[in-house]
Amino acid sequence: MIIRDALEADLPAIVEIYNAAIRGRISTAQLDPVSVEARLPWFREHSPESYPLWVAVIDGEIAGWLSFHPFIARGAYRGTAEISVYIDVKFRRAGVGRTLLEKAIAHSPSLGITALVGGIFGHNEASLRLFERLGFERWGFLPRIARVDDVERDLALLGRHISVA
């Protein structure tokens, strides 16, 4: 597996993985599929020096991706980043998510990030277990905050402090 900065040419694969997650209704609050064109501004907000967007590549195929985002756009939160991880269905349970998260944790100090936060639906047990295995703790819980197909969903906020060398 190779993890590298995403290229604009990777955007169709990134969008397809995300759209599959939208259809699955377990890992995103986005309800409607997105287009490559609609995601282009989001793609361009990322930068290897501040808020990277990485892809995991296995045998030439994009198996998953991880993105960093500002947590809250106020100065006191500048050391905190929100992360999102999405894995192609055929590569789930192959260590792709773990490898991406481990790299995010290891690389965060070089980005000036002292805390990582992830928002995970309460019924997404696999993601909750993955984050917790990598040292994330439940920092918050928002009951019935989202409505997906007329089903109320909880949101768990998981966080991890990052040691700065």
N, C-alpha and C. Protein backbone atom coordinates (compact mmCIF):
# COMPACT_ATOMS: atom_id res chain seq x y z
N MET A 1 0.85 -1.18 0.00
CA MET A 1 0.00 0.00 0.00
C MET A 1 0.89 1.24 0.00
N ILE A 2 0.52 2.18 -0.84
CA ILE A 2 1.22 3.46 -0.92
C ILE A 2 0.23 4.54 -0.48
N ILE A 3 0.67 5.41 0.40
CA ILE A 3 -0.15 6.57 0.77
C ILE A 3 0.56 7.80 0.23
N ARG A 4 -0.20 8.60 -0.52
CA ARG A 4 0.40 9.78 -1.14
C ARG A 4 -0.62 10.92 -1.16
N ASP A 5 -0.12 12.12 -1.42
CA ASP A 5 -1.02 13.26 -1.61
C ASP A 5 -1.92 12.99 -2.80
N ALA A 6 -3.18 13.35 -2.64
CA ALA A 6 -4.13 13.16 -3.74
C ALA A 6 -3.84 14.15 -4.86
N LEU A 7 -4.06 13.69 -6.07
CA LEU A 7 -3.95 14.52 -7.26
C LEU A 7 -5.35 14.81 -7.78
N GLU A 8 -5.48 15.88 -8.54
CA GLU A 8 -6.79 16.19 -9.10
C GLU A 8 -7.32 15.02 -9.94
N ALA A 9 -6.42 14.29 -10.57
CA ALA A 9 -6.83 13.14 -11.38
C ALA A 9 -7.43 12.02 -10.52
N ASP A 10 -7.19 12.05 -9.20
CA ASP A 10 -7.75 11.05 -8.28
C ASP A 10 -9.19 11.39 -7.87
N LEU A 11 -9.62 12.59 -8.16
CA LEU A 11 -10.92 13.05 -7.65
C LEU A 11 -12.09 12.15 -8.07
N PRO A 12 -12.16 11.65 -9.30
CA PRO A 12 -13.28 10.74 -9.61
C PRO A 12 -13.34 9.52 -8.70
N ALA A 13 -12.20 8.93 -8.38
CA ALA A 13 -12.18 7.77 -7.49
C ALA A 13 -12.55 8.17 -6.06
N ILE A 14 -12.07 9.32 -5.62
CA ILE A 14 -12.41 9.83 -4.29
C ILE A 14 -13.91 10.04 -4.19
N VAL A 15 -14.48 10.64 -5.20
CA VAL A 15 -15.92 10.91 -5.22
C VAL A 15 -16.72 9.61 -5.26
N GLU A 16 -16.26 8.63 -6.02
CA GLU A 16 -16.99 7.35 -6.07
C GLU A 16 -16.98 6.66 -4.71
N ILE A 17 -15.86 6.69 -4.02
CA ILE A 17 -15.79 6.10 -2.67
C ILE A 17 -16.74 6.84 -1.74
N TYR A 18 -16.75 8.16 -1.84
CA TYR A 18 -17.64 8.97 -0.98
C TYR A 18 -19.10 8.70 -1.33
N ASN A 19 -19.43 8.64 -2.60
CA ASN A 19 -20.82 8.37 -2.99
C ASN A 19 -21.28 6.99 -2.52
N ALA A 20 -20.37 6.02 -2.52
CA ALA A 20 -20.73 4.69 -1.99
C ALA A 20 -21.04 4.80 -0.50
N ALA A 21 -20.29 5.64 0.22
CA ALA A 21 -20.57 5.85 1.65
C ALA A 21 -21.91 6.54 1.84
N ILE A 22 -22.23 7.48 0.96
CA ILE A 22 -23.54 8.16 1.04
C ILE A 22 -24.65 7.13 0.87
N ARG A 23 -24.52 6.27 -0.11
CA ARG A 23 -25.53 5.23 -0.35
C ARG A 23 -25.63 4.26 0.83
N GLY A 24 -24.51 3.99 1.49
CA GLY A 24 -24.49 3.05 2.61
C GLY A 24 -25.15 3.56 3.88
N ARG A 25 -25.27 4.88 4.01
CA ARG A 25 -25.98 5.51 5.13
C ARG A 25 -25.39 5.21 6.51
N ILE A 26 -24.09 4.88 6.57
CA ILE A 26 -23.51 4.59 7.87
C ILE A 26 -22.40 5.55 8.28
N SER A 27 -21.80 6.26 7.31
CA SER A 27 -20.60 7.01 7.65
C SER A 27 -20.59 8.48 7.24
N THR A 28 -21.65 9.00 6.70
CA THR A 28 -21.68 10.42 6.36
C THR A 28 -23.09 10.96 6.50
N ALA A 29 -23.17 12.22 6.88
CA ALA A 29 -24.47 12.89 6.98
C ALA A 29 -24.90 13.48 5.64
N GLN A 30 -24.03 13.41 4.65
CA GLN A 30 -24.39 13.83 3.30
C GLN A 30 -25.45 12.85 2.80
N LEU A 31 -26.55 13.36 2.28
CA LEU A 31 -27.66 12.48 1.89
C LEU A 31 -27.73 12.22 0.39
N ASP A 32 -27.24 13.16 -0.40
CA ASP A 32 -27.34 13.05 -1.85
C ASP A 32 -25.96 12.89 -2.47
N PRO A 33 -25.85 12.07 -3.51
CA PRO A 33 -24.56 11.89 -4.18
C PRO A 33 -23.99 13.23 -4.65
N VAL A 34 -22.67 13.27 -4.71
CA VAL A 34 -21.97 14.48 -5.15
C VAL A 34 -21.31 14.22 -6.49
N SER A 35 -21.03 15.28 -7.21
CA SER A 35 -20.35 15.16 -8.50
C SER A 35 -18.89 15.56 -8.33
N VAL A 36 -18.08 15.15 -9.27
CA VAL A 36 -16.68 15.55 -9.28
C VAL A 36 -16.58 17.07 -9.33
N GLU A 37 -17.39 17.69 -10.17
CA GLU A 37 -17.36 19.15 -10.31
C GLU A 37 -17.72 19.83 -8.99
N ALA A 38 -18.69 19.30 -8.28
CA ALA A 38 -19.11 19.90 -7.01
C ALA A 38 -18.03 19.75 -5.94
N ARG A 39 -17.23 18.69 -6.02
CA ARG A 39 -16.19 18.44 -5.02
C ARG A 39 -14.86 19.11 -5.35
N LEU A 40 -14.74 19.71 -6.53
CA LEU A 40 -13.49 20.34 -6.92
C LEU A 40 -13.08 21.47 -5.97
N PRO A 41 -13.97 22.38 -5.57
CA PRO A 41 -13.55 23.41 -4.60
C PRO A 41 -13.07 22.81 -3.28
N TRP A 42 -13.76 21.77 -2.80
CA TRP A 42 -13.35 21.06 -1.58
C TRP A 42 -11.94 20.49 -1.77
N PHE A 43 -11.70 19.85 -2.91
CA PHE A 43 -10.39 19.29 -3.20
C PHE A 43 -9.31 20.37 -3.14
N ARG A 44 -9.59 21.52 -3.72
CA ARG A 44 -8.59 22.59 -3.81
C ARG A 44 -8.35 23.30 -2.48
N GLU A 45 -9.20 23.06 -1.49
CA GLU A 45 -8.98 23.62 -0.15
C GLU A 45 -7.87 22.89 0.59
N HIS A 46 -7.49 21.72 0.11
CA HIS A 46 -6.47 20.92 0.77
C HIS A 46 -5.09 21.27 0.25
N SER A 47 -4.12 21.09 1.13
CA SER A 47 -2.75 21.39 0.79
C SER A 47 -1.83 20.46 1.58
N PRO A 48 -0.81 19.91 0.96
CA PRO A 48 0.11 19.03 1.71
C PRO A 48 0.75 19.71 2.92
N GLU A 49 0.86 21.04 2.90
CA GLU A 49 1.53 21.77 3.97
C GLU A 49 0.62 22.13 5.13
N SER A 50 -0.70 22.11 4.93
CA SER A 50 -1.58 22.51 6.04
C SER A 50 -2.69 21.50 6.29
N TYR A 51 -3.54 21.27 5.32
CA TYR A 51 -4.65 20.32 5.48
C TYR A 51 -4.60 19.32 4.32
N PRO A 52 -3.79 18.27 4.49
CA PRO A 52 -3.60 17.31 3.39
C PRO A 52 -4.85 16.50 3.07
N LEU A 53 -4.85 15.99 1.87
CA LEU A 53 -5.80 14.99 1.40
C LEU A 53 -4.95 13.87 0.83
N TRP A 54 -5.04 12.69 1.44
CA TRP A 54 -4.22 11.56 1.03
C TRP A 54 -5.08 10.47 0.44
N VAL A 55 -4.49 9.72 -0.48
CA VAL A 55 -5.12 8.51 -0.98
C VAL A 55 -4.22 7.33 -0.64
N ALA A 56 -4.87 6.20 -0.38
CA ALA A 56 -4.17 4.93 -0.20
C ALA A 56 -4.33 4.16 -1.50
N VAL A 57 -3.23 3.73 -2.07
CA VAL A 57 -3.25 3.05 -3.36
C VAL A 57 -2.75 1.62 -3.18
N ILE A 58 -3.54 0.67 -3.67
CA ILE A 58 -3.17 -0.75 -3.64
C ILE A 58 -3.27 -1.27 -5.07
N ASP A 59 -2.17 -1.80 -5.58
CA ASP A 59 -2.13 -2.34 -6.94
C ASP A 59 -2.68 -1.35 -7.97
N GLY A 60 -2.30 -0.09 -7.81
CA GLY A 60 -2.70 0.95 -8.75
C GLY A 60 -4.12 1.46 -8.59
N GLU A 61 -4.85 0.96 -7.60
CA GLU A 61 -6.25 1.36 -7.40
C GLU A 61 -6.38 2.13 -6.09
N ILE A 62 -7.17 3.20 -6.10
CA ILE A 62 -7.38 3.97 -4.88
C ILE A 62 -8.31 3.17 -3.97
N ALA A 63 -7.76 2.79 -2.81
CA ALA A 63 -8.48 1.95 -1.86
C ALA A 63 -9.20 2.76 -0.80
N GLY A 64 -8.78 4.01 -0.61
CA GLY A 64 -9.40 4.86 0.39
C GLY A 64 -8.73 6.20 0.43
N TRP A 65 -9.28 7.07 1.27
CA TRP A 65 -8.70 8.41 1.40
C TRP A 65 -8.93 8.97 2.79
N LEU A 66 -8.10 9.92 3.16
CA LEU A 66 -8.19 10.63 4.43
C LEU A 66 -7.98 12.10 4.16
N SER A 67 -8.80 12.94 4.79
CA SER A 67 -8.64 14.38 4.64
C SER A 67 -8.60 15.06 5.99
N PHE A 68 -7.82 16.13 6.05
CA PHE A 68 -7.77 17.02 7.22
C PHE A 68 -8.59 18.26 6.89
N HIS A 69 -9.27 18.79 7.90
CA HIS A 69 -10.05 20.02 7.73
C HIS A 69 -9.87 20.88 8.98
N PRO A 70 -9.99 22.20 8.83
CA PRO A 70 -10.02 23.02 10.05
C PRO A 70 -11.19 22.57 10.93
N PHE A 71 -10.97 22.51 12.23
CA PHE A 71 -12.03 22.09 13.15
C PHE A 71 -13.06 23.22 13.30
N ILE A 72 -12.63 24.33 13.79
CA ILE A 72 -13.46 25.53 13.89
C ILE A 72 -12.56 26.69 13.47
N ALA A 73 -13.06 27.54 12.61
CA ALA A 73 -12.24 28.61 12.03
C ALA A 73 -12.09 29.81 12.98
N ARG A 74 -11.59 29.54 14.16
CA ARG A 74 -11.25 30.60 15.11
C ARG A 74 -9.85 30.30 15.61
N GLY A 75 -9.09 31.37 15.85
CA GLY A 75 -7.67 31.24 16.15
C GLY A 75 -7.30 30.27 17.24
N ALA A 76 -8.08 30.18 18.29
CA ALA A 76 -7.73 29.32 19.41
C ALA A 76 -7.76 27.83 19.03
N TYR A 77 -8.45 27.49 17.94
CA TYR A 77 -8.54 26.10 17.51
C TYR A 77 -7.56 25.74 16.40
N ARG A 78 -6.62 26.63 16.09
CA ARG A 78 -5.74 26.40 14.94
C ARG A 78 -4.91 25.12 15.05
N GLY A 79 -4.69 24.60 16.25
CA GLY A 79 -3.93 23.36 16.41
C GLY A 79 -4.80 22.11 16.34
N THR A 80 -6.09 22.28 16.12
CA THR A 80 -7.00 21.14 16.06
C THR A 80 -7.49 20.95 14.64
N ALA A 81 -7.48 19.71 14.19
CA ALA A 81 -7.97 19.40 12.85
C ALA A 81 -9.01 18.29 12.94
N GLU A 82 -10.02 18.40 12.09
CA GLU A 82 -10.99 17.32 11.93
C GLU A 82 -10.48 16.42 10.83
N ILE A 83 -10.62 15.12 11.01
CA ILE A 83 -10.22 14.19 9.97
C ILE A 83 -11.42 13.36 9.52
N SER A 84 -11.38 13.00 8.25
CA SER A 84 -12.40 12.12 7.66
C SER A 84 -11.68 11.00 6.94
N VAL A 85 -12.21 9.79 7.06
CA VAL A 85 -11.61 8.61 6.43
C VAL A 85 -12.70 7.83 5.72
N TYR A 86 -12.47 7.50 4.46
CA TYR A 86 -13.42 6.69 3.68
C TYR A 86 -12.66 5.63 2.93
N ILE A 87 -13.18 4.40 2.98
CA ILE A 87 -12.51 3.25 2.37
C ILE A 87 -13.44 2.62 1.33
N ASP A 88 -12.88 2.28 0.18
CA ASP A 88 -13.63 1.58 -0.85
C ASP A 88 -14.14 0.25 -0.27
N VAL A 89 -15.37 -0.09 -0.58
CA VAL A 89 -16.00 -1.30 -0.02
C VAL A 89 -15.13 -2.53 -0.21
N LYS A 90 -14.49 -2.68 -1.36
CA LYS A 90 -13.70 -3.91 -1.59
C LYS A 90 -12.41 -3.97 -0.82
N PHE A 91 -12.02 -2.86 -0.19
CA PHE A 91 -10.77 -2.83 0.58
C PHE A 91 -11.01 -2.71 2.08
N ARG A 92 -12.26 -2.78 2.51
CA ARG A 92 -12.53 -2.69 3.94
C ARG A 92 -12.00 -3.92 4.65
N ARG A 93 -11.60 -3.71 5.88
CA ARG A 93 -11.02 -4.77 6.74
C ARG A 93 -9.69 -5.28 6.21
N ALA A 94 -9.00 -4.43 5.44
CA ALA A 94 -7.67 -4.81 4.92
C ALA A 94 -6.58 -3.92 5.52
N GLY A 95 -6.92 -3.13 6.54
CA GLY A 95 -5.93 -2.28 7.20
C GLY A 95 -5.73 -0.92 6.56
N VAL A 96 -6.55 -0.57 5.58
CA VAL A 96 -6.39 0.71 4.88
C VAL A 96 -6.71 1.87 5.83
N GLY A 97 -7.84 1.80 6.51
CA GLY A 97 -8.21 2.87 7.44
C GLY A 97 -7.20 3.03 8.55
N ARG A 98 -6.76 1.92 9.10
CA ARG A 98 -5.76 1.96 10.18
C ARG A 98 -4.47 2.62 9.69
N THR A 99 -4.00 2.23 8.51
CA THR A 99 -2.76 2.79 7.98
C THR A 99 -2.89 4.29 7.73
N LEU A 100 -4.02 4.71 7.18
CA LEU A 100 -4.24 6.14 6.96
C LEU A 100 -4.27 6.91 8.28
N LEU A 101 -4.99 6.38 9.27
CA LEU A 101 -5.06 7.06 10.57
C LEU A 101 -3.71 7.10 11.27
N GLU A 102 -2.96 6.02 11.20
CA GLU A 102 -1.63 6.00 11.81
C GLU A 102 -0.73 7.07 11.18
N LYS A 103 -0.81 7.20 9.86
CA LYS A 103 -0.02 8.24 9.19
C LYS A 103 -0.48 9.63 9.62
N ALA A 104 -1.79 9.83 9.75
CA ALA A 104 -2.31 11.14 10.18
C ALA A 104 -1.78 11.49 11.57
N ILE A 105 -1.80 10.52 12.47
CA ILE A 105 -1.30 10.75 13.83
C ILE A 105 0.19 11.10 13.79
N ALA A 106 0.97 10.32 13.06
CA ALA A 106 2.41 10.53 12.98
C ALA A 106 2.78 11.84 12.30
N HIS A 107 2.01 12.26 11.30
CA HIS A 107 2.33 13.44 10.50
C HIS A 107 1.80 14.74 11.12
N SER A 108 0.87 14.63 12.05
CA SER A 108 0.23 15.83 12.62
C SER A 108 1.21 16.83 13.22
N PRO A 109 2.22 16.42 13.99
CA PRO A 109 3.14 17.43 14.54
C PRO A 109 3.79 18.30 13.48
N SER A 110 4.12 17.72 12.33
CA SER A 110 4.77 18.52 11.27
C SER A 110 3.81 19.53 10.66
N LEU A 111 2.51 19.34 10.87
CA LEU A 111 1.49 20.27 10.39
C LEU A 111 1.09 21.28 11.45
N GLY A 112 1.68 21.17 12.64
CA GLY A 112 1.30 22.05 13.75
C GLY A 112 0.00 21.63 14.40
N ILE A 113 -0.40 20.40 14.22
CA ILE A 113 -1.66 19.90 14.77
C ILE A 113 -1.38 19.23 16.11
N THR A 114 -2.10 19.68 17.14
CA THR A 114 -1.93 19.14 18.49
C THR A 114 -3.12 18.30 18.94
N ALA A 115 -4.19 18.30 18.15
CA ALA A 115 -5.36 17.47 18.47
C ALA A 115 -6.07 17.11 17.17
N LEU A 116 -6.54 15.87 17.10
CA LEU A 116 -7.35 15.40 15.97
C LEU A 116 -8.74 15.06 16.49
N VAL A 117 -9.75 15.41 15.70
CA VAL A 117 -11.14 15.14 16.07
C VAL A 117 -11.83 14.48 14.88
N GLY A 118 -12.67 13.50 15.19
CA GLY A 118 -13.48 12.86 14.16
C GLY A 118 -14.92 12.75 14.64
N GLY A 119 -15.85 13.02 13.76
CA GLY A 119 -17.27 12.84 14.07
C GLY A 119 -17.74 11.54 13.44
N ILE A 120 -18.26 10.63 14.26
CA ILE A 120 -18.65 9.30 13.78
C ILE A 120 -20.06 8.99 14.25
N PHE A 121 -20.91 8.56 13.33
CA PHE A 121 -22.26 8.15 13.72
C PHE A 121 -22.17 7.06 14.79
N GLY A 122 -23.08 7.13 15.76
CA GLY A 122 -23.08 6.18 16.86
C GLY A 122 -23.30 4.74 16.45
N HIS A 123 -23.94 4.51 15.30
CA HIS A 123 -24.17 3.13 14.85
C HIS A 123 -23.05 2.60 13.96
N ASN A 124 -22.02 3.41 13.72
CA ASN A 124 -20.87 2.99 12.91
C ASN A 124 -19.82 2.35 13.82
N GLU A 125 -20.14 1.18 14.29
CA GLU A 125 -19.31 0.51 15.30
C GLU A 125 -17.90 0.21 14.80
N ALA A 126 -17.75 -0.15 13.54
CA ALA A 126 -16.41 -0.46 13.02
C ALA A 126 -15.50 0.76 13.09
N SER A 127 -16.00 1.91 12.70
CA SER A 127 -15.18 3.13 12.75
C SER A 127 -14.90 3.54 14.19
N LEU A 128 -15.89 3.43 15.05
CA LEU A 128 -15.67 3.76 16.46
C LEU A 128 -14.56 2.89 17.05
N ARG A 129 -14.60 1.59 16.78
CA ARG A 129 -13.57 0.68 17.29
C ARG A 129 -12.19 1.03 16.72
N LEU A 130 -12.14 1.32 15.42
CA LEU A 130 -10.86 1.67 14.80
C LEU A 130 -10.24 2.89 15.47
N PHE A 131 -11.00 3.96 15.60
CA PHE A 131 -10.47 5.18 16.21
C PHE A 131 -10.04 4.91 17.65
N GLU A 132 -10.85 4.19 18.40
CA GLU A 132 -10.51 3.92 19.79
C GLU A 132 -9.26 3.06 19.91
N ARG A 133 -9.06 2.10 19.02
CA ARG A 133 -7.84 1.28 19.03
C ARG A 133 -6.60 2.13 18.81
N LEU A 134 -6.76 3.25 18.12
CA LEU A 134 -5.61 4.13 17.84
C LEU A 134 -5.51 5.29 18.82
N GLY A 135 -6.14 5.14 19.98
CA GLY A 135 -5.94 6.10 21.05
C GLY A 135 -6.92 7.26 21.09
N PHE A 136 -7.93 7.25 20.23
CA PHE A 136 -8.95 8.29 20.28
C PHE A 136 -9.91 7.97 21.42
N GLU A 137 -10.39 9.02 22.08
CA GLU A 137 -11.34 8.88 23.18
C GLU A 137 -12.63 9.60 22.81
N ARG A 138 -13.71 9.20 23.43
CA ARG A 138 -14.99 9.88 23.20
C ARG A 138 -14.98 11.20 23.97
N TRP A 139 -14.94 12.28 23.23
CA TRP A 139 -14.91 13.61 23.82
C TRP A 139 -16.29 14.25 23.82
N GLY A 140 -17.20 13.69 23.09
CA GLY A 140 -18.54 14.27 23.05
C GLY A 140 -19.53 13.30 22.45
N PHE A 141 -20.79 13.55 22.75
CA PHE A 141 -21.87 12.71 22.23
C PHE A 141 -23.08 13.60 22.00
N LEU A 142 -23.59 13.59 20.78
CA LEU A 142 -24.75 14.39 20.41
C LEU A 142 -25.88 13.43 20.03
N PRO A 143 -26.82 13.22 20.95
CA PRO A 143 -27.89 12.25 20.68
C PRO A 143 -28.88 12.75 19.64
N ARG A 144 -29.25 11.85 18.74
CA ARG A 144 -30.30 12.11 17.74
C ARG A 144 -30.11 13.45 17.02
N ILE A 145 -28.89 13.79 16.68
CA ILE A 145 -28.57 15.08 16.06
C ILE A 145 -28.80 15.08 14.55
N ALA A 146 -28.77 13.89 13.95
CA ALA A 146 -28.93 13.79 12.49
C ALA A 146 -30.17 12.96 12.17
N ARG A 147 -30.75 13.26 11.03
CA ARG A 147 -31.89 12.47 10.55
C ARG A 147 -31.52 11.96 9.17
N VAL A 148 -31.40 10.64 9.07
CA VAL A 148 -31.04 9.98 7.82
C VAL A 148 -32.18 9.05 7.45
N ASP A 149 -32.85 9.36 6.36
CA ASP A 149 -33.98 8.54 5.90
C ASP A 149 -34.99 8.32 7.03
N ASP A 150 -35.36 9.39 7.70
CA ASP A 150 -36.33 9.37 8.79
C ASP A 150 -35.89 8.58 10.01
N VAL A 151 -34.60 8.30 10.11
CA VAL A 151 -34.05 7.65 11.30
C VAL A 151 -33.14 8.65 12.00
N GLU A 152 -33.38 8.87 13.28
CA GLU A 152 -32.52 9.77 14.04
C GLU A 152 -31.22 9.05 14.37
N ARG A 153 -30.11 9.75 14.19
CA ARG A 153 -28.79 9.17 14.41
C ARG A 153 -28.00 10.01 15.42
N ASP A 154 -27.25 9.30 16.26
CA ASP A 154 -26.37 9.95 17.22
C ASP A 154 -25.02 10.24 16.55
N LEU A 155 -24.32 11.24 17.08
CA LEU A 155 -22.98 11.55 16.60
C LEU A 155 -22.03 11.51 17.77
N ALA A 156 -21.01 10.67 17.67
CA ALA A 156 -19.95 10.61 18.68
C ALA A 156 -18.79 11.45 18.17
N LEU A 157 -18.23 12.27 19.04
CA LEU A 157 -17.04 13.05 18.72
C LEU A 157 -15.87 12.39 19.41
N LEU A 158 -14.93 11.91 18.60
CA LEU A 158 -13.75 11.25 19.14
C LEU A 158 -12.54 12.14 18.92
N GLY A 159 -11.68 12.20 19.90
CA GLY A 159 -10.51 13.05 19.78
C GLY A 159 -9.28 12.39 20.35
N ARG A 160 -8.16 12.93 19.94
CA ARG A 160 -6.86 12.45 20.41
C ARG A 160 -5.90 13.62 20.43
N HIS A 161 -5.23 13.81 21.56
CA HIS A 161 -4.16 14.81 21.64
C HIS A 161 -2.92 14.24 20.98
N ILE A 162 -2.19 15.09 20.31
CA ILE A 162 -0.98 14.70 19.59
C ILE A 162 0.22 15.31 20.32
N SER A 163 1.19 14.47 20.62
CA SER A 163 2.41 14.95 21.25
C SER A 163 3.25 15.67 20.22
N VAL A 164 3.65 16.87 20.54
CA VAL A 164 4.51 17.64 19.65
C VAL A 164 5.95 17.42 20.08
N ALA A 165 6.78 17.02 19.13
CA ALA A 165 8.19 16.69 19.43
C ALA A 165 8.96 17.91 19.86
